[in-house]
C-alpha atoms as a PDB file:
ATOM      1  CA  MET A   1     -40.176  20.710  -8.355  1.00  0.00           C
ATOM      2  CA  ARG A   2     -40.948  21.607  -4.713  1.00  0.00           C
ATOM      3  CA  ILE A   3     -37.794  21.814  -2.659  1.00  0.00           C
ATOM      4  CA  ALA A   4     -37.984  22.316   1.080  1.00  0.00           C
ATOM      5  CA  ILE A   5     -35.162  24.286   2.660  1.00  0.00           C
ATOM      6  CA  ALA A   6     -34.635  23.762   6.333  1.00  0.00           C
ATOM      7  CA  GLY A   7     -32.994  26.867   7.692  1.00  0.00           C
ATOM      8  CA  GLY A   8     -34.094  28.870   4.606  1.00  0.00           C
ATOM      9  CA  THR A   9     -34.156  32.178   6.471  1.00  0.00           C
ATOM     10  CA  GLY A  10     -30.425  32.319   7.238  1.00  0.00           C
ATOM     11  CA  LEU A  11     -27.609  33.721   5.101  1.00  0.00           C
ATOM     12  CA  LEU A  12     -26.922  30.544   3.167  1.00  0.00           C
ATOM     13  CA  GLY A  13     -30.569  29.436   3.338  1.00  0.00           C
ATOM     14  CA  GLY A  14     -31.676  32.605   1.725  1.00  0.00           C
ATOM     15  CA  LEU A  15     -29.243  32.009  -1.155  1.00  0.00           C
ATOM     16  CA  VAL A  16     -30.480  28.456  -1.624  1.00  0.00           C
ATOM     17  CA  VAL A  17     -34.062  29.708  -1.776  1.00  0.00           C
ATOM     18  CA  ASP A  18     -33.014  32.291  -4.344  1.00  0.00           C
ATOM     19  CA  GLU A  19     -31.070  29.797  -6.438  1.00  0.00           C
ATOM     20  CA  ALA A  20     -33.898  27.202  -6.411  1.00  0.00           C
ATOM     21  CA  THR A  21     -36.467  29.997  -7.382  1.00  0.00           C
ATOM     22  CA  ALA A  22     -34.205  31.196 -10.221  1.00  0.00           C
ATOM     23  CA  ARG A  23     -34.180  27.624 -11.598  1.00  0.00           C
ATOM     24  CA  GLY A  24     -37.910  27.536 -11.631  1.00  0.00           C
ATOM     25  CA  HIS A  25     -38.482  25.382  -8.481  1.00  0.00           C
ATOM     26  CA  HIS A  26     -40.836  26.205  -5.696  1.00  0.00           C
ATOM     27  CA  GLY A  27     -38.974  26.740  -2.452  1.00  0.00           C
ATOM     28  CA  VAL A  28     -40.687  25.800   0.765  1.00  0.00           C
ATOM     29  CA  VAL A  29     -38.859  27.438   3.778  1.00  0.00           C
ATOM     30  CA  LEU A  30     -38.969  25.278   6.910  1.00  0.00           C
ATOM     31  CA  ALA A  31     -38.543  27.655   9.832  1.00  0.00           C
ATOM     32  CA  ARG A  32     -40.380  28.762  12.951  1.00  0.00           C
ATOM     33  CA  SER A  33     -41.164  32.070  11.262  1.00  0.00           C
ATOM     34  CA  ARG A  34     -42.974  30.101   8.546  1.00  0.00           C
ATOM     35  CA  GLY A  35     -44.934  27.977  11.013  1.00  0.00           C
ATOM     36  CA  VAL A  36     -42.522  24.988  11.168  1.00  0.00           C
ATOM     37  CA  ASP A  37     -40.748  23.935  14.288  1.00  0.00           C
ATOM     38  CA  LEU A  38     -37.944  21.579  13.359  1.00  0.00           C
ATOM     39  CA  THR A  39     -37.215  20.526  16.964  1.00  0.00           C
ATOM     40  CA  THR A  40     -40.787  19.463  17.723  1.00  0.00           C
ATOM     41  CA  GLY A  41     -42.055  18.748  14.174  1.00  0.00           C
ATOM     42  CA  ALA A  42     -45.075  21.126  14.507  1.00  0.00           C
ATOM     43  CA  GLY A  43     -46.205  22.121  11.030  1.00  0.00           C
ATOM     44  CA  LEU A  44     -43.691  19.806   9.293  1.00  0.00           C
ATOM     45  CA  ASP A  45     -46.129  17.299   7.724  1.00  0.00           C
ATOM     46  CA  GLU A  46     -48.173  20.017   6.153  1.00  0.00           C
ATOM     47  CA  ALA A  47     -45.109  21.766   4.821  1.00  0.00           C
ATOM     48  CA  LEU A  48     -43.750  18.689   3.176  1.00  0.00           C
ATOM     49  CA  GLN A  49     -46.808  17.969   1.153  1.00  0.00           C
ATOM     50  CA  GLY A  50     -45.816  17.623  -2.519  1.00  0.00           C
ATOM     51  CA  VAL A  51     -42.162  18.110  -1.740  1.00  0.00           C
ATOM     52  CA  GLU A  52     -39.628  16.001  -3.615  1.00  0.00           C
ATOM     53  CA  ALA A  53     -36.328  17.048  -2.030  1.00  0.00           C
ATOM     54  CA  VAL A  54     -35.226  18.592   1.188  1.00  0.00           C
ATOM     55  CA  ILE A  55     -32.037  20.741   1.616  1.00  0.00           C
ATOM     56  CA  ASP A  56     -30.863  21.065   5.219  1.00  0.00           C
ATOM     57  CA  VAL A  57     -28.780  24.123   6.001  1.00  0.00           C
ATOM     58  CA  THR A  58     -29.942  24.521   9.619  1.00  0.00           C
ATOM     59  CA  ASN A  59     -27.442  25.950  12.071  1.00  0.00           C
ATOM     60  CA  VAL A  60     -27.022  26.792  15.756  1.00  0.00           C
ATOM     61  CA  ALA A  61     -24.905  29.461  17.433  1.00  0.00           C
ATOM     62  CA  THR A  62     -22.904  27.569  19.930  1.00  0.00           C
ATOM     63  CA  LEU A  63     -19.325  26.418  20.599  1.00  0.00           C
ATOM     64  CA  LYS A  64     -20.312  23.666  23.048  1.00  0.00           C
ATOM     65  CA  ALA A  65     -20.434  20.021  21.972  1.00  0.00           C
ATOM     66  CA  GLU A  66     -23.448  19.087  24.065  1.00  0.00           C
ATOM     67  CA  ALA A  67     -25.525  22.018  22.796  1.00  0.00           C
ATOM     68  CA  SER A  68     -24.448  21.482  19.192  1.00  0.00           C
ATOM     69  CA  THR A  69     -25.139  17.688  19.404  1.00  0.00           C
ATOM     70  CA  ALA A  70     -28.483  18.176  21.013  1.00  0.00           C
ATOM     71  CA  PHE A  71     -29.629  20.679  18.324  1.00  0.00           C
ATOM     72  CA  PHE A  72     -28.474  18.777  15.311  1.00  0.00           C
ATOM     73  CA  GLU A  73     -29.766  15.379  16.595  1.00  0.00           C
ATOM     74  CA  ALA A  74     -33.191  16.893  17.445  1.00  0.00           C
ATOM     75  CA  VAL A  75     -33.560  18.678  14.129  1.00  0.00           C
ATOM     76  CA  THR A  76     -32.264  15.814  11.935  1.00  0.00           C
ATOM     77  CA  ARG A  77     -34.441  13.128  13.609  1.00  0.00           C
ATOM     78  CA  THR A  78     -37.456  15.380  13.200  1.00  0.00           C
ATOM     79  CA  LEU A  79     -36.719  16.156   9.614  1.00  0.00           C
ATOM     80  CA  LEU A  80     -35.929  12.544   8.571  1.00  0.00           C
ATOM     81  CA  ALA A  81     -38.983  11.205  10.359  1.00  0.00           C
ATOM     82  CA  GLY A  82     -41.133  13.712   8.428  1.00  0.00           C
ATOM     83  CA  GLU A  83     -39.427  12.846   5.167  1.00  0.00           C
ATOM     84  CA  GLU A  84     -40.056   9.196   5.668  1.00  0.00           C
ATOM     85  CA  ARG A  85     -43.801   9.859   6.237  1.00  0.00           C
ATOM     86  CA  ALA A  86     -43.888  12.127   3.133  1.00  0.00           C
ATOM     87  CA  GLY A  87     -41.933   9.782   0.872  1.00  0.00           C
ATOM     88  CA  ILE A  88     -39.272  12.388   0.157  1.00  0.00           C
ATOM     89  CA  ARG A  89     -36.880  11.167  -2.533  1.00  0.00           C
ATOM     90  CA  ARG A  90     -33.750  13.165  -1.649  1.00  0.00           C
ATOM     91  CA  HIS A  91     -32.300  14.582   1.493  1.00  0.00           C
ATOM     92  CA  VAL A  92     -29.340  16.939   0.965  1.00  0.00           C
ATOM     93  CA  ALA A  93     -27.496  18.281   3.968  1.00  0.00           C
ATOM     94  CA  LEU A  94     -24.641  20.763   4.301  1.00  0.00           C
ATOM     95  CA  SER A  95     -21.716  19.762   6.479  1.00  0.00           C
ATOM     96  CA  ILE A  96     -18.075  20.835   6.869  1.00  0.00           C
ATOM     97  CA  VAL A  97     -14.761  19.632   5.361  1.00  0.00           C
ATOM     98  CA  GLY A  98     -12.784  18.065   8.170  1.00  0.00           C
ATOM     99  CA  VAL A  99     -15.775  17.573  10.492  1.00  0.00           C
ATOM    100  CA  ASP A 100     -14.671  14.003  11.077  1.00  0.00           C
ATOM    101  CA  ARG A 101     -10.979  14.907  11.775  1.00  0.00           C
ATOM    102  CA  ALA A 102     -10.886  18.206  13.724  1.00  0.00           C
ATOM    103  CA  PRO A 103     -11.538  18.232  17.530  1.00  0.00           C
ATOM    104  CA  PHE A 104     -13.921  21.156  17.528  1.00  0.00           C
ATOM    105  CA  ASP A 105     -16.814  20.952  19.930  1.00  0.00           C
ATOM    106  CA  TYR A 106     -19.300  22.397  17.353  1.00  0.00           C
ATOM    107  CA  TYR A 107     -18.245  19.677  14.932  1.00  0.00           C
ATOM    108  CA  ALA A 108     -19.491  16.952  17.303  1.00  0.00           C
ATOM    109  CA  GLY A 109     -22.956  18.097  16.456  1.00  0.00           C
ATOM    110  CA  LYS A 110     -22.385  18.060  12.736  1.00  0.00           C
ATOM    111  CA  ARG A 111     -20.869  14.629  12.902  1.00  0.00           C
ATOM    112  CA  ALA A 112     -23.879  13.437  14.892  1.00  0.00           C
ATOM    113  CA  GLN A 113     -26.092  14.838  12.132  1.00  0.00           C
ATOM    114  CA  GLU A 114     -24.154  12.896   9.472  1.00  0.00           C
ATOM    115  CA  ARG A 115     -24.428   9.653  11.282  1.00  0.00           C
ATOM    116  CA  LEU A 116     -28.182  10.029  11.615  1.00  0.00           C
ATOM    117  CA  ILE A 117     -28.448  10.688   7.943  1.00  0.00           C
ATOM    118  CA  GLU A 118     -26.263   7.816   6.997  1.00  0.00           C
ATOM    119  CA  ALA A 119     -28.544   5.540   8.961  1.00  0.00           C
ATOM    120  CA  SER A 120     -31.762   6.864   7.487  1.00  0.00           C
ATOM    121  CA  THR A 121     -34.021   5.145   4.995  1.00  0.00           C
ATOM    122  CA  VAL A 122     -34.352   8.429   3.090  1.00  0.00           C
ATOM    123  CA  PRO A 123     -32.013   8.601   0.033  1.00  0.00           C
ATOM    124  CA  TRP A 124     -29.287  11.133   0.903  1.00  0.00           C
ATOM    125  CA  THR A 125     -26.341  13.182  -0.106  1.00  0.00           C
ATOM    126  CA  ILE A 126     -24.045  15.267   2.197  1.00  0.00           C
ATOM    127  CA  LEU A 127     -22.122  18.214   0.900  1.00  0.00           C
ATOM    128  CA  ARG A 128     -19.103  18.991   2.958  1.00  0.00           C
ATOM    129  CA  ALA A 129     -17.864  22.511   2.272  1.00  0.00           C
ATOM    130  CA  THR A 130     -14.900  24.509   3.448  1.00  0.00           C
ATOM    131  CA  GLN A 131     -15.413  27.866   5.294  1.00  0.00           C
ATOM    132  CA  PHE A 132     -17.161  30.571   3.395  1.00  0.00           C
ATOM    133  CA  HIS A 133     -15.469  33.773   2.328  1.00  0.00           C
ATOM    134  CA  GLU A 134     -17.855  35.412   4.803  1.00  0.00           C
ATOM    135  CA  PHE A 135     -15.957  33.736   7.580  1.00  0.00           C
ATOM    136  CA  ALA A 136     -13.454  36.554   7.573  1.00  0.00           C
ATOM    137  CA  GLY A 137     -16.026  39.136   8.592  1.00  0.00           C
ATOM    138  CA  GLN A 138     -17.533  36.805  11.237  1.00  0.00           C
ATOM    139  CA  ILE A 139     -14.068  36.268  12.800  1.00  0.00           C
ATOM    140  CA  HIS A 140     -13.344  40.015  12.809  1.00  0.00           C
ATOM    141  CA  ALA A 141     -16.653  40.683  14.610  1.00  0.00           C
ATOM    142  CA  THR A 142     -16.300  37.917  17.243  1.00  0.00           C
ATOM    143  CA  ALA A 143     -12.547  37.470  17.882  1.00  0.00           C
ATOM    144  CA  ALA A 144     -11.949  40.600  19.877  1.00  0.00           C
ATOM    145  CA  VAL A 145     -10.548  41.522  23.233  1.00  0.00           C
ATOM    146  CA  GLY A 146     -11.824  44.971  24.088  1.00  0.00           C
ATOM    147  CA  PRO A 147     -11.027  47.220  21.110  1.00  0.00           C
ATOM    148  CA  VAL A 148      -8.401  44.839  19.695  1.00  0.00           C
ATOM    149  CA  HIS A 149      -9.547  42.451  16.933  1.00  0.00           C
ATOM    150  CA  LEU A 150      -7.690  39.175  16.623  1.00  0.00           C
ATOM    151  CA  ALA A 151      -7.051  36.765  13.751  1.00  0.00           C
ATOM    152  CA  PRO A 152      -6.490  33.074  14.508  1.00  0.00           C
ATOM    153  CA  ARG A 153      -3.771  31.361  12.507  1.00  0.00           C
ATOM    154  CA  MET A 154      -5.511  28.924  10.168  1.00  0.00           C
ATOM    155  CA  ARG A 155      -5.054  27.406   6.843  1.00  0.00           C
ATOM    156  CA  THR A 156      -8.235  27.434   4.791  1.00  0.00           C
ATOM    157  CA  GLN A 157      -9.518  27.091   1.208  1.00  0.00           C
ATOM    158  CA  PRO A 158     -12.577  29.252   1.360  1.00  0.00           C
ATOM    159  CA  ILE A 159     -15.640  29.044  -0.974  1.00  0.00           C
ATOM    160  CA  ALA A 160     -18.240  31.671  -1.910  1.00  0.00           C
ATOM    161  CA  ALA A 161     -21.426  30.958  -0.107  1.00  0.00           C
ATOM    162  CA  ARG A 162     -23.438  31.504  -3.328  1.00  0.00           C
ATOM    163  CA  GLU A 163     -21.450  28.656  -4.961  1.00  0.00           C
ATOM    164  CA  VAL A 164     -22.341  26.361  -2.078  1.00  0.00           C
ATOM    165  CA  ALA A 165     -25.946  27.292  -2.488  1.00  0.00           C
ATOM    166  CA  SER A 166     -25.815  26.477  -6.172  1.00  0.00           C
ATOM    167  CA  ARG A 167     -24.218  23.048  -5.588  1.00  0.00           C
ATOM    168  CA  LEU A 168     -26.823  22.198  -2.962  1.00  0.00           C
ATOM    169  CA  VAL A 169     -29.588  22.857  -5.493  1.00  0.00           C
ATOM    170  CA  ASP A 170     -27.639  20.784  -8.019  1.00  0.00           C
ATOM    171  CA  LEU A 171     -27.656  17.790  -5.586  1.00  0.00           C
ATOM    172  CA  ALA A 172     -31.356  18.247  -4.808  1.00  0.00           C
ATOM    173  CA  GLU A 173     -32.053  17.977  -8.531  1.00  0.00           C
ATOM    174  CA  SER A 174     -30.027  14.796  -8.985  1.00  0.00           C
ATOM    175  CA  PRO A 175     -30.341  11.232  -7.724  1.00  0.00           C
ATOM    176  CA  ALA A 176     -29.173  10.776  -4.145  1.00  0.00           C
ATOM    177  CA  ARG A 177     -25.621   9.537  -3.981  1.00  0.00           C
ATOM    178  CA  GLY A 178     -25.699   7.906  -0.502  1.00  0.00           C
ATOM    179  CA  GLY A 179     -22.372   9.496   0.157  1.00  0.00           C
ATOM    180  CA  TYR A 180     -20.305  12.644   0.432  1.00  0.00           C
ATOM    181  CA  VAL A 181     -19.237  15.426  -1.895  1.00  0.00           C
ATOM    182  CA  GLU A 182     -16.434  17.880  -0.910  1.00  0.00           C
ATOM    183  CA  LEU A 183     -16.490  21.471  -2.111  1.00  0.00           C
ATOM    184  CA  ALA A 184     -13.747  24.058  -1.645  1.00  0.00           C
ATOM    185  CA  GLY A 185     -12.690  27.387  -3.093  1.00  0.00           C
ATOM    186  CA  PRO A 186     -10.091  27.761  -5.785  1.00  0.00           C
ATOM    187  CA  ARG A 187      -7.018  28.511  -3.631  1.00  0.00           C
ATOM    188  CA  GLU A 188      -5.671  28.109  -0.073  1.00  0.00           C
ATOM    189  CA  GLU A 189      -5.714  31.256   1.983  1.00  0.00           C
ATOM    190  CA  SER A 190      -4.394  32.378   5.405  1.00  0.00           C
ATOM    191  CA  LEU A 191      -7.295  33.279   7.694  1.00  0.00           C
ATOM    192  CA  VAL A 192      -5.135  35.979   9.240  1.00  0.00           C
ATOM    193  CA  ASP A 193      -4.645  37.620   5.777  1.00  0.00           C
ATOM    194  CA  MET A 194      -8.316  37.204   5.050  1.00  0.00           C
ATOM    195  CA  VAL A 195      -9.482  39.003   8.230  1.00  0.00           C
ATOM    196  CA  ARG A 196      -6.947  41.837   7.734  1.00  0.00           C
ATOM    197  CA  ARG A 197      -7.974  42.302   4.147  1.00  0.00           C
ATOM    198  CA  TRP A 198     -11.698  42.273   5.033  1.00  0.00           C
ATOM    199  CA  ALA A 199     -11.050  44.807   7.822  1.00  0.00           C
ATOM    200  CA  ARG A 200      -9.122  47.217   5.499  1.00  0.00           C
ATOM    201  CA  ALA A 201     -11.850  46.919   2.826  1.00  0.00           C
ATOM    202  CA  THR A 202     -14.548  47.780   5.325  1.00  0.00           C
ATOM    203  CA  GLY A 203     -12.842  50.739   6.991  1.00  0.00           C
ATOM    204  CA  HIS A 204     -11.139  49.259  10.039  1.00  0.00           C
ATOM    205  CA  ARG A 205      -7.628  50.552  10.520  1.00  0.00           C
ATOM    206  CA  GLY A 206      -6.588  49.189  13.916  1.00  0.00           C
ATOM    207  CA  PRO A 207      -3.939  46.474  14.504  1.00  0.00           C
ATOM    208  CA  ILE A 208      -5.111  42.862  14.074  1.00  0.00           C
ATOM    209  CA  PRO A 209      -2.644  40.530  15.789  1.00  0.00           C
ATOM    210  CA  ALA A 210      -2.272  36.960  14.582  1.00  0.00           C
ATOM    211  CA  VAL A 211      -3.005  34.531  17.294  1.00  0.00           C
ATOM    212  CA  PRO A 212      -2.243  30.706  17.293  1.00  0.00           C
ATOM    213  CA  LEU A 213      -5.131  28.998  19.179  1.00  0.00           C
ATOM    214  CA  PRO A 214      -3.941  26.517  21.772  1.00  0.00           C
ATOM    215  CA  GLY A 215      -4.679  22.819  21.902  1.00  0.00           C
ATOM    216  CA  ARG A 216      -5.716  20.196  19.427  1.00  0.00           C
ATOM    217  CA  LEU A 217      -8.075  22.491  17.677  1.00  0.00           C
ATOM    218  CA  GLY A 218      -5.370  25.128  17.121  1.00  0.00           C
ATOM    219  CA  ARG A 219      -2.971  22.583  15.746  1.00  0.00           C
ATOM    220  CA  ALA A 220      -5.786  21.246  13.435  1.00  0.00           C
ATOM    221  CA  GLN A 221      -6.364  24.782  12.009  1.00  0.00           C
ATOM    222  CA  ARG A 222      -2.638  25.241  11.346  1.00  0.00           C
ATOM    223  CA  ASP A 223      -1.631  21.893  10.052  1.00  0.00           C
ATOM    224  CA  GLY A 224      -4.150  21.658   7.143  1.00  0.00           C
ATOM    225  CA  THR A 225      -6.632  19.321   8.747  1.00  0.00           C
ATOM    226  CA  LEU A 226      -9.490  21.540   7.569  1.00  0.00           C
ATOM    227  CA  LEU A 227      -8.223  21.602   3.904  1.00  0.00           C
ATOM    228  CA  PRO A 228     -10.145  19.533   1.295  1.00  0.00           C
ATOM    229  CA  GLY A 229      -8.901  16.226  -0.140  1.00  0.00           C
ATOM    230  CA  ASP A 230      -7.631  15.577  -3.645  1.00  0.00           C
ATOM    231  CA  ALA A 231     -11.068  14.568  -4.927  1.00  0.00           C
ATOM    232  CA  ALA A 232     -12.767  17.732  -3.828  1.00  0.00           C
ATOM    233  CA  GLU A 233     -14.761  19.762  -6.304  1.00  0.00           C
ATOM    234  CA  ILE A 234     -13.243  23.308  -6.672  1.00  0.00           C
ATOM    235  CA  GLY A 235     -15.231  26.515  -6.903  1.00  0.00           C
ATOM    236  CA  GLU A 236     -14.444  29.637  -9.035  1.00  0.00           C
ATOM    237  CA  GLU A 237     -14.585  32.795  -7.078  1.00  0.00           C
ATOM    238  CA  THR A 238     -11.457  33.697  -5.079  1.00  0.00           C
ATOM    239  CA  PHE A 239     -11.517  35.482  -1.751  1.00  0.00           C
ATOM    240  CA  ALA A 240     -10.046  38.548  -3.613  1.00  0.00           C
ATOM    241  CA  ASP A 241     -12.744  38.453  -6.229  1.00  0.00           C
ATOM    242  CA  TRP A 242     -15.391  38.048  -3.497  1.00  0.00           C
ATOM    243  CA  LEU A 243     -13.959  40.864  -1.533  1.00  0.00           C
ATOM    244  CA  ARG A 244     -14.177  43.185  -4.548  1.00  0.00           C
ATOM    245  CA  ARG A 245     -17.708  42.125  -5.410  1.00  0.00           C
ATOM    246  CA  THR A 246     -19.054  42.517  -1.862  1.00  0.00           C
ATOM    247  CA  THR A 247     -17.148  45.676  -0.644  1.00  0.00           C
ATOM    248  CA  GLY A 248     -16.408  47.432  -3.854  1.00  0.00           C
END
């Protein structure tokens, strides 16, 4: 089966391409570097020829609601319009657990994306996943004041990115649900603990203070708003197992 992966050159997108290929599918990467502009639609119709399913893992590096919404609305409208023209059978998109509950500006764009998919004529499934184990390293790299790295206080139930990639391909292989699937890791973790353990495992020895973020977002991170519901599917690899696998 030909499966198109929007955002297939990113961290998760690369894992999705690898997983689809390992299962014998032909992965078609939708990205500017492959001649497809998902904001304008240039090259999209040609790329979707013969494709049966599309997996959307596109992303944008912004913390602003306006920029996030503009990006996800533009890409999603372009993708869905192209899929309608091509007669695509399944549209599978990645979203985030708690995106409809947490007051985070970036989430505004993801929720706008979800609404457009819900209203589309293309059969769809949305996978809402929790934060990836890789989130610890990302926070360590970005949450810093001068030489001091900070760790926001947050309850999370992180999942291995490769397990998310595998589930996305599962859904692309299956009939569209017209609904949501939640996926989370096997146990709840403290983000502070995750960041500190990742730092130690990768050679950082400086202090990493725990910081409660202010406002509604900070409260949502601490009160469990971003944890999965009771019906969530649960992955297998714990953060400790992932850390051993990736850092030795």
